[in-house]
């Protein structure tokens, strides 16, 4: 029997160790719900509201915004 890795996105720390595995991103009303596990063990549900999303965008300068767009097309 072969085991398959679960699909998801990993968020790594500065030493390339896994901080969080995101299993699902979904909409709930006006918020974005992020479901996953922290450190591979503790389940977590995070909520991103429109106000917090706008606050996050204010943290980006133009060069970082361009890098973020290009990141989608990098290997």
PDB file of N, CA and C in Angstrom:
ATOM      1  N   UNK A   1       0.850  -1.164   0.000  1.00  0.00           N
ATOM      2  CA  UNK A   1       0.000   0.000   0.000  1.00  0.00           C
ATOM      3  C   UNK A   1       0.904   1.238   0.000  1.00  0.00           C
ATOM      4  N   UNK A   2       0.640   2.168  -0.897  1.00  0.00           N
ATOM      5  CA  UNK A   2       1.436   3.387  -0.958  1.00  0.00           C
ATOM      6  C   UNK A   2       0.738   4.494  -0.202  1.00  0.00           C
ATOM      7  N   UNK A   3       1.530   5.298   0.464  1.00  0.00           N
ATOM      8  CA  UNK A   3       0.939   6.435   1.177  1.00  0.00           C
ATOM      9  C   UNK A   3       1.149   7.685   0.343  1.00  0.00           C
ATOM     10  N   UNK A   4       0.118   8.484   0.261  1.00  0.00           N
ATOM     11  CA  UNK A   4       0.193   9.722  -0.485  1.00  0.00           C
ATOM     12  C   UNK A   4       0.331  10.872   0.493  1.00  0.00           C
ATOM     13  N   UNK A   5       1.132  11.853   0.097  1.00  0.00           N
ATOM     14  CA  UNK A   5       1.248  13.042   0.925  1.00  0.00           C
ATOM     15  C   UNK A   5      -0.038  13.847   0.789  1.00  0.00           C
ATOM     16  N   UNK A   6      -0.542  14.369   1.895  1.00  0.00           N
ATOM     17  CA  UNK A   6      -1.727  15.214   1.782  1.00  0.00           C
ATOM     18  C   UNK A   6      -1.388  16.502   1.055  1.00  0.00           C
ATOM     19  N   UNK A   7      -2.334  16.970   0.252  1.00  0.00           N
ATOM     20  CA  UNK A   7      -2.120  18.211  -0.472  1.00  0.00           C
ATOM     21  C   UNK A   7      -2.207  19.371   0.487  1.00  0.00           C
ATOM     22  N   UNK A   8      -1.489  20.400   0.177  1.00  0.00           N
ATOM     23  CA  UNK A   8      -1.543  21.585   1.009  1.00  0.00           C
ATOM     24  C   UNK A   8      -0.350  22.476   0.758  1.00  0.00           C
ATOM     25  N   UNK A   9      -0.393  23.627   1.355  1.00  0.00           N
ATOM     26  CA  UNK A   9       0.674  24.604   1.261  1.00  0.00           C
ATOM     27  C   UNK A   9       1.397  24.627   2.592  1.00  0.00           C
ATOM     28  N   UNK A  10       2.721  24.702   2.552  1.00  0.00           N
ATOM     29  CA  UNK A  10       3.501  24.763   3.782  1.00  0.00           C
ATOM     30  C   UNK A  10       4.064  26.161   3.960  1.00  0.00           C
ATOM     31  N   UNK A  11       4.016  26.640   5.169  1.00  0.00           N
ATOM     32  CA  UNK A  11       4.637  27.906   5.541  1.00  0.00           C
ATOM     33  C   UNK A  11       5.844  27.545   6.386  1.00  0.00           C
ATOM     34  N   UNK A  12       7.021  28.024   5.964  1.00  0.00           N
ATOM     35  CA  UNK A  12       8.280  27.652   6.595  1.00  0.00           C
ATOM     36  C   UNK A  12       8.859  28.811   7.387  1.00  0.00           C
ATOM     37  N   UNK A  13       9.685  28.485   8.381  1.00  0.00           N
ATOM     38  CA  UNK A  13      10.386  29.529   9.118  1.00  0.00           C
ATOM     39  C   UNK A  13      11.717  29.836   8.435  1.00  0.00           C
ATOM     40  N   UNK A  14      12.533  30.651   9.043  1.00  0.00           N
ATOM     41  CA  UNK A  14      13.804  31.072   8.442  1.00  0.00           C
ATOM     42  C   UNK A  14      14.785  29.912   8.277  1.00  0.00           C
ATOM     43  N   UNK A  15      14.629  28.840   9.047  1.00  0.00           N
ATOM     44  CA  UNK A  15      15.505  27.664   8.937  1.00  0.00           C
ATOM     45  C   UNK A  15      14.883  26.566   8.080  1.00  0.00           C
ATOM     46  N   UNK A  16      13.869  26.908   7.288  1.00  0.00           N
ATOM     47  CA  UNK A  16      13.158  25.971   6.412  1.00  0.00           C
ATOM     48  C   UNK A  16      12.478  24.835   7.166  1.00  0.00           C
ATOM     49  N   UNK A  17      12.079  25.087   8.396  1.00  0.00           N
ATOM     50  CA  UNK A  17      11.308  24.103   9.147  1.00  0.00           C
ATOM     51  C   UNK A  17       9.838  24.485   9.055  1.00  0.00           C
ATOM     52  N   UNK A  18       8.995  23.476   9.023  1.00  0.00           N
ATOM     53  CA  UNK A  18       7.561  23.701   8.827  1.00  0.00           C
ATOM     54  C   UNK A  18       6.917  24.363  10.039  1.00  0.00           C
ATOM     55  N   UNK A  19       6.296  25.507   9.799  1.00  0.00           N
ATOM     56  CA  UNK A  19       5.520  26.175  10.842  1.00  0.00           C
ATOM     57  C   UNK A  19       4.059  25.777  10.752  1.00  0.00           C
ATOM     58  N   UNK A  20       3.557  25.728   9.511  1.00  0.00           N
ATOM     59  CA  UNK A  20       2.135  25.462   9.326  1.00  0.00           C
ATOM     60  C   UNK A  20       1.901  24.792   7.979  1.00  0.00           C
ATOM     61  N   UNK A  21       0.953  23.878   7.968  1.00  0.00           N
ATOM     62  CA  UNK A  21       0.465  23.295   6.726  1.00  0.00           C
ATOM     63  C   UNK A  21      -0.965  23.772   6.535  1.00  0.00           C
ATOM     64  N   UNK A  22      -1.205  24.477   5.441  1.00  0.00           N
ATOM     65  CA  UNK A  22      -2.545  24.971   5.125  1.00  0.00           C
ATOM     66  C   UNK A  22      -3.240  23.896   4.301  1.00  0.00           C
ATOM     67  N   UNK A  23      -4.354  23.417   4.780  1.00  0.00           N
ATOM     68  CA  UNK A  23      -5.103  22.351   4.099  1.00  0.00           C
ATOM     69  C   UNK A  23      -6.241  22.901   3.235  1.00  0.00           C
ATOM     70  N   UNK A  24      -6.824  24.015   3.667  1.00  0.00           N
ATOM     71  CA  UNK A  24      -7.973  24.538   2.935  1.00  0.00           C
ATOM     72  C   UNK A  24      -8.086  26.037   3.162  1.00  0.00           C
ATOM     73  N   UNK A  25      -8.444  26.755   2.115  1.00  0.00           N
ATOM     74  CA  UNK A  25      -8.769  28.181   2.194  1.00  0.00           C
ATOM     75  C   UNK A  25     -10.154  28.331   1.600  1.00  0.00           C
ATOM     76  N   UNK A  26     -11.067  28.899   2.374  1.00  0.00           N
ATOM     77  CA  UNK A  26     -12.441  29.013   1.917  1.00  0.00           C
ATOM     78  C   UNK A  26     -13.051  30.327   2.376  1.00  0.00           C
ATOM     79  N   UNK A  27     -14.158  30.663   1.769  1.00  0.00           N
ATOM     80  CA  UNK A  27     -14.868  31.891   2.111  1.00  0.00           C
ATOM     81  C   UNK A  27     -15.972  31.587   3.116  1.00  0.00           C
ATOM     82  N   UNK A  28     -16.122  32.481   4.073  1.00  0.00           N
ATOM     83  CA  UNK A  28     -17.224  32.391   5.034  1.00  0.00           C
ATOM     84  C   UNK A  28     -17.751  33.812   5.226  1.00  0.00           C
ATOM     85  N   UNK A  29     -18.848  34.117   4.566  1.00  0.00           N
ATOM     86  CA  UNK A  29     -19.365  35.480   4.602  1.00  0.00           C
ATOM     87  C   UNK A  29     -18.389  36.423   3.922  1.00  0.00           C
ATOM     88  N   UNK A  30     -17.952  37.460   4.636  1.00  0.00           N
ATOM     89  CA  UNK A  30     -16.981  38.404   4.098  1.00  0.00           C
ATOM     90  C   UNK A  30     -15.552  38.082   4.515  1.00  0.00           C
ATOM     91  N   UNK A  31     -15.337  36.963   5.158  1.00  0.00           N
ATOM     92  CA  UNK A  31     -14.006  36.613   5.660  1.00  0.00           C
ATOM     93  C   UNK A  31     -13.416  35.448   4.877  1.00  0.00           C
ATOM     94  N   UNK A  32     -12.106  35.350   4.913  1.00  0.00           N
ATOM     95  CA  UNK A  32     -11.375  34.231   4.330  1.00  0.00           C
ATOM     96  C   UNK A  32     -10.955  33.335   5.488  1.00  0.00           C
ATOM     97  N   UNK A  33     -11.328  32.075   5.434  1.00  0.00           N
ATOM     98  CA  UNK A  33     -11.019  31.118   6.499  1.00  0.00           C
ATOM     99  C   UNK A  33      -9.873  30.224   6.033  1.00  0.00           C
ATOM    100  N   UNK A  34      -8.841  30.123   6.858  1.00  0.00           N
ATOM    101  CA  UNK A  34      -7.664  29.308   6.543  1.00  0.00           C
ATOM    102  C   UNK A  34      -7.616  28.182   7.562  1.00  0.00           C
ATOM    103  N   UNK A  35      -7.666  26.949   7.079  1.00  0.00           N
ATOM    104  CA  UNK A  35      -7.658  25.776   7.957  1.00  0.00           C
ATOM    105  C   UNK A  35      -6.368  25.000   7.733  1.00  0.00           C
ATOM    106  N   UNK A  36      -5.769  24.559   8.808  1.00  0.00           N
ATOM    107  CA  UNK A  36      -4.531  23.814   8.693  1.00  0.00           C
ATOM    108  C   UNK A  36      -4.058  23.307  10.034  1.00  0.00           C
ATOM    109  N   UNK A  37      -2.759  22.977  10.083  1.00  0.00           N
ATOM    110  CA  UNK A  37      -2.142  22.496  11.315  1.00  0.00           C
ATOM    111  C   UNK A  37      -0.850  23.261  11.556  1.00  0.00           C
ATOM    112  N   UNK A  38      -0.633  23.615  12.800  1.00  0.00           N
ATOM    113  CA  UNK A  38       0.598  24.279  13.198  1.00  0.00           C
ATOM    114  C   UNK A  38       1.559  23.218  13.724  1.00  0.00           C
ATOM    115  N   UNK A  39       2.796  23.272  13.275  1.00  0.00           N
ATOM    116  CA  UNK A  39       3.844  22.319  13.669  1.00  0.00           C
ATOM    117  C   UNK A  39       3.432  20.878  13.392  1.00  0.00           C
ATOM    118  N   UNK A  40       2.567  20.676  12.409  1.00  0.00           N
ATOM    119  CA  UNK A  40       2.156  19.333  12.014  1.00  0.00           C
ATOM    120  C   UNK A  40       1.253  18.627  13.002  1.00  0.00           C
ATOM    121  N   UNK A  41       0.836  19.300  14.069  1.00  0.00           N
ATOM    122  CA  UNK A  41       0.059  18.605  15.088  1.00  0.00           C
ATOM    123  C   UNK A  41      -1.204  19.343  15.518  1.00  0.00           C
ATOM    124  N   UNK A  42      -1.098  20.630  15.794  1.00  0.00           N
ATOM    125  CA  UNK A  42      -2.225  21.360  16.365  1.00  0.00           C
ATOM    126  C   UNK A  42      -3.125  21.930  15.277  1.00  0.00           C
ATOM    127  N   UNK A  43      -4.382  21.490  15.197  1.00  0.00           N
ATOM    128  CA  UNK A  43      -5.308  22.059  14.210  1.00  0.00           C
ATOM    129  C   UNK A  43      -5.548  23.541  14.498  1.00  0.00           C
ATOM    130  N   UNK A  44      -5.720  24.306  13.414  1.00  0.00           N
ATOM    131  CA  UNK A  44      -5.920  25.741  13.570  1.00  0.00           C
ATOM    132  C   UNK A  44      -6.885  26.242  12.512  1.00  0.00           C
ATOM    133  N   UNK A  45      -7.706  27.184  12.894  1.00  0.00           N
ATOM    134  CA  UNK A  45      -8.586  27.883  11.966  1.00  0.00           C
ATOM    135  C   UNK A  45      -8.295  29.364  12.143  1.00  0.00           C
ATOM    136  N   UNK A  46      -7.883  30.025  11.060  1.00  0.00           N
ATOM    137  CA  UNK A  46      -7.588  31.459  11.099  1.00  0.00           C
ATOM    138  C   UNK A  46      -8.591  32.180  10.222  1.00  0.00           C
ATOM    139  N   UNK A  47      -8.947  33.390  10.620  1.00  0.00           N
ATOM    140  CA  UNK A  47      -9.914  34.191   9.879  1.00  0.00           C
ATOM    141  C   UNK A  47      -9.243  35.478   9.430  1.00  0.00           C
ATOM    142  N   UNK A  48      -9.364  35.794   8.142  1.00  0.00           N
ATOM    143  CA  UNK A  48      -8.849  37.039   7.586  1.00  0.00           C
ATOM    144  C   UNK A  48     -10.034  37.891   7.161  1.00  0.00           C
ATOM    145  N   UNK A  49     -10.213  39.013   7.845  1.00  0.00           N
ATOM    146  CA  UNK A  49     -11.326  39.912   7.546  1.00  0.00           C
ATOM    147  C   UNK A  49     -10.898  40.918   6.477  1.00  0.00           C
ATOM    148  N   UNK A  50     -11.849  41.588   5.831  1.00  0.00           N
ATOM    149  CA  UNK A  50     -11.490  42.599   4.830  1.00  0.00           C
ATOM    150  C   UNK A  50     -10.586  43.697   5.396  1.00  0.00           C
ATOM    151  N   UNK A  51     -10.845  44.140   6.612  1.00  0.00           N
ATOM    152  CA  UNK A  51     -10.014  45.190   7.214  1.00  0.00           C
ATOM    153  C   UNK A  51      -8.579  44.713   7.408  1.00  0.00           C
ATOM    154  N   UNK A  52      -8.407  43.477   7.838  1.00  0.00           N
ATOM    155  CA  UNK A  52      -7.059  42.939   8.037  1.00  0.00           C
ATOM    156  C   UNK A  52      -6.356  42.694   6.704  1.00  0.00           C
ATOM    157  N   UNK A  53      -7.108  42.313   5.671  1.00  0.00           N
ATOM    158  CA  UNK A  53      -6.516  42.141   4.337  1.00  0.00           C
ATOM    159  C   UNK A  53      -6.003  43.481   3.809  1.00  0.00           C
ATOM    160  N   UNK A  54      -6.767  44.545   4.019  1.00  0.00           N
ATOM    161  CA  UNK A  54      -6.311  45.881   3.609  1.00  0.00           C
ATOM    162  C   UNK A  54      -5.079  46.295   4.402  1.00  0.00           C
ATOM    163  N   UNK A  55      -5.057  45.986   5.681  1.00  0.00           N
ATOM    164  CA  UNK A  55      -3.887  46.309   6.507  1.00  0.00           C
ATOM    165  C   UNK A  55      -2.652  45.554   6.016  1.00  0.00           C
ATOM    166  N   UNK A  56      -2.833  44.303   5.599  1.00  0.00           N
ATOM    167  CA  UNK A  56      -1.708  43.520   5.077  1.00  0.00           C
ATOM    168  C   UNK A  56      -1.185  44.122   3.783  1.00  0.00           C
ATOM    169  N   UNK A  57      -2.070  44.575   2.911  1.00  0.00           N
ATOM    170  CA  UNK A  57      -1.628  45.182   1.651  1.00  0.00           C
ATOM    171  C   UNK A  57      -0.853  46.473   1.884  1.00  0.00           C
ATOM    172  N   UNK A  58      -1.195  47.201   2.950  1.00  0.00           N
ATOM    173  CA  UNK A  58      -0.460  48.438   3.272  1.00  0.00           C
ATOM    174  C   UNK A  58       0.969  48.154   3.715  1.00  0.00           C
ATOM    175  N   UNK A  59       1.250  46.921   4.137  1.00  0.00           N
ATOM    176  CA  UNK A  59       2.604  46.557   4.550  1.00  0.00           C
ATOM    177  C   UNK A  59       3.540  46.346   3.363  1.00  0.00           C
ATOM    178  N   UNK A  60       2.976  46.168   2.162  1.00  0.00           N
ATOM    179  CA  UNK A  60       3.780  45.886   0.973  1.00  0.00           C
ATOM    180  C   UNK A  60       4.193  47.165   0.274  1.00  0.00           C
ATOM    181  N   UNK A  61       5.471  47.262  -0.079  1.00  0.00           N
ATOM    182  CA  UNK A  61       5.882  48.351  -0.960  1.00  0.00           C
ATOM    183  C   UNK A  61       5.727  47.869  -2.401  1.00  0.00           C
ATOM    184  N   UNK A  62       5.956  48.746  -3.363  1.00  0.00           N
ATOM    185  CA  UNK A  62       5.717  48.409  -4.768  1.00  0.00           C
ATOM    186  C   UNK A  62       6.607  47.257  -5.240  1.00  0.00           C
ATOM    187  N   UNK A  63       7.881  47.277  -4.858  1.00  0.00           N
ATOM    188  CA  UNK A  63       8.804  46.204  -5.285  1.00  0.00           C
ATOM    189  C   UNK A  63       8.380  44.849  -4.723  1.00  0.00           C
ATOM    190  N   UNK A  64       7.949  44.833  -3.462  1.00  0.00           N
ATOM    191  CA  UNK A  64       7.502  43.577  -2.860  1.00  0.00           C
ATOM    192  C   UNK A  64       6.209  43.095  -3.499  1.00  0.00           C
ATOM    193  N   UNK A  65       5.324  44.016  -3.849  1.00  0.00           N
ATOM    194  CA  UNK A  65       4.091  43.651  -4.545  1.00  0.00           C
ATOM    195  C   UNK A  65       4.406  43.001  -5.894  1.00  0.00           C
ATOM    196  N   UNK A  66       5.346  43.576  -6.645  1.00  0.00           N
ATOM    197  CA  UNK A  66       5.739  42.990  -7.933  1.00  0.00           C
ATOM    198  C   UNK A  66       6.366  41.612  -7.737  1.00  0.00           C
ATOM    199  N   UNK A  67       7.191  41.470  -6.701  1.00  0.00           N
ATOM    200  CA  UNK A  67       7.782  40.171  -6.404  1.00  0.00           C
ATOM    201  C   UNK A  67       6.699  39.148  -6.083  1.00  0.00           C
ATOM    202  N   UNK A  68       5.711  39.548  -5.313  1.00  0.00           N
ATOM    203  CA  UNK A  68       4.619  38.648  -4.953  1.00  0.00           C
ATOM    204  C   UNK A  68       3.875  38.156  -6.193  1.00  0.00           C
ATOM    205  N   UNK A  69       3.639  39.050  -7.143  1.00  0.00           N
ATOM    206  CA  UNK A  69       2.995  38.642  -8.398  1.00  0.00           C
ATOM    207  C   UNK A  69       3.864  37.672  -9.174  1.00  0.00           C
ATOM    208  N   UNK A  70       5.172  37.944  -9.237  1.00  0.00           N
ATOM    209  CA  UNK A  70       6.072  37.076 -10.007  1.00  0.00           C
ATOM    210  C   UNK A  70       6.303  35.744  -9.301  1.00  0.00           C
ATOM    211  N   UNK A  71       6.092  35.689  -8.001  1.00  0.00           N
ATOM    212  CA  UNK A  71       6.295  34.455  -7.239  1.00  0.00           C
ATOM    213  C   UNK A  71       5.399  33.325  -7.727  1.00  0.00           C
ATOM    214  N   UNK A  72       4.240  33.681  -8.234  1.00  0.00           N
ATOM    215  CA  UNK A  72       3.311  32.662  -8.737  1.00  0.00           C
ATOM    216  C   UNK A  72       3.854  31.905  -9.945  1.00  0.00           C
ATOM    217  N   UNK A  73       4.785  32.498 -10.668  1.00  0.00           N
ATOM    218  CA  UNK A  73       5.310  31.896 -11.885  1.00  0.00           C
ATOM    219  C   UNK A  73       6.724  31.343 -11.738  1.00  0.00           C
ATOM    220  N   UNK A  74       7.269  31.368 -10.535  1.00  0.00           N
ATOM    221  CA  UNK A  74       8.624  30.842 -10.278  1.00  0.00           C
ATOM    222  C   UNK A  74       8.563  29.375  -9.883  1.00  0.00           C
ATOM    223  N   UNK A  75       9.671  28.705 -10.037  1.00  0.00           N
ATOM    224  CA  UNK A  75       9.772  27.290  -9.626  1.00  0.00           C
ATOM    225  C   UNK A  75      10.227  27.180  -8.200  1.00  0.00           C
TER     226      UNK A  75
END
